[in-house]
Amino acid sequence: MVVAHRQMGPWFFIEGYAKNEKSNLLPPELRACKEQGMCLLSMDAAELKRSLDRDDVMEVGCDAQTEIADS
């Protein structure tokens, strides 16, 4: 599983595989995941909200859900 996270901010699920499918990412896949993570982490709340509205990203609820606030 590859995730991106900023302290006191949201977590982003970037990529995931079952262990029996893939044990490691290839270098180009890892670079792509890092680029995607940096892009997501650079967004402010308004940009994230627009991405949610366009269905570019999907918010997943959990027990300690934090929603993106409107700015």
Protein backbone atom coordinates (compact mmCIF):
# COMPACT_ATOMS: atom_id res chain seq x y z
CA MET A 1 0.00 0.00 0.00
CA VAL A 2 1.25 3.49 -0.84
CA VAL A 3 -0.17 6.46 1.04
CA ALA A 4 0.65 10.16 1.27
CA HIS A 5 0.10 12.13 4.48
CA ARG A 6 0.84 15.52 5.92
CA GLN A 7 0.93 16.08 9.66
CA MET A 8 -2.50 16.99 11.03
CA GLY A 9 -3.93 16.65 7.53
CA PRO A 10 -5.66 14.11 5.36
CA TRP A 11 -4.24 10.76 4.29
CA PHE A 12 -4.28 9.87 0.61
CA PHE A 13 -4.38 6.28 -0.61
CA ILE A 14 -2.26 6.25 -3.75
CA GLU A 15 -1.88 2.60 -4.73
CA GLY A 16 -2.38 -0.85 -3.26
CA TYR A 17 -1.94 -4.48 -4.16
CA ALA A 18 -2.53 -7.79 -2.48
CA LYS A 19 0.74 -9.43 -1.41
CA ASN A 20 0.12 -12.33 -3.76
CA GLU A 21 -0.23 -9.89 -6.69
CA LYS A 22 2.86 -7.74 -6.27
CA SER A 23 5.58 -7.49 -3.65
CA ASN A 24 7.28 -4.25 -4.72
CA LEU A 25 6.72 -1.35 -7.07
CA LEU A 26 8.95 -0.99 -10.08
CA PRO A 27 11.01 2.26 -10.17
CA PRO A 28 8.68 3.96 -12.72
CA GLU A 29 5.63 3.01 -10.62
CA LEU A 30 7.26 4.36 -7.47
CA ARG A 31 8.11 7.63 -9.23
CA ALA A 32 4.51 7.96 -10.42
CA CYS A 33 3.20 7.34 -6.88
CA LYS A 34 5.58 9.95 -5.45
CA GLU A 35 4.50 12.50 -8.07
CA GLN A 36 0.83 11.82 -7.36
CA GLY A 37 1.41 12.11 -3.62
CA MET A 38 3.27 15.41 -3.97
CA CYS A 39 0.46 16.77 -6.14
CA LEU A 40 -2.20 15.80 -3.61
CA LEU A 41 -0.20 17.11 -0.66
CA SER A 42 0.33 20.46 -2.37
CA MET A 43 -3.43 21.09 -2.69
CA ASP A 44 -5.19 23.40 -0.29
CA ALA A 45 -8.70 22.69 1.05
CA ALA A 46 -10.43 24.51 -1.83
CA GLU A 47 -8.46 22.56 -4.45
CA LEU A 48 -9.22 19.28 -2.70
CA LYS A 49 -12.92 20.18 -2.56
CA ARG A 50 -12.94 20.92 -6.30
CA SER A 51 -11.19 17.59 -6.95
CA LEU A 52 -13.85 15.83 -4.89
CA ASP A 53 -16.61 17.63 -6.77
CA ARG A 54 -15.08 16.54 -10.12
CA ASP A 55 -14.67 12.95 -8.84
CA ASP A 56 -10.90 13.20 -9.40
CA VAL A 57 -10.47 11.93 -5.83
CA MET A 58 -12.82 10.05 -3.56
CA GLU A 59 -13.21 10.63 0.16
CA VAL A 60 -13.34 7.47 2.25
CA GLY A 61 -14.95 7.60 5.67
CA CYS A 62 -13.51 6.00 8.77
CA ASP A 63 -14.14 6.06 12.52
CA ALA A 64 -12.19 9.32 12.91
CA GLN A 65 -13.44 10.90 9.70
CA THR A 66 -12.27 14.42 8.93
CA GLU A 67 -14.13 16.09 6.10
CA ILE A 68 -12.61 18.74 3.89
CA ALA A 69 -14.06 22.04 5.00
CA ASP A 70 -15.37 24.57 2.51
CA SER A 71 -13.08 27.58 2.26
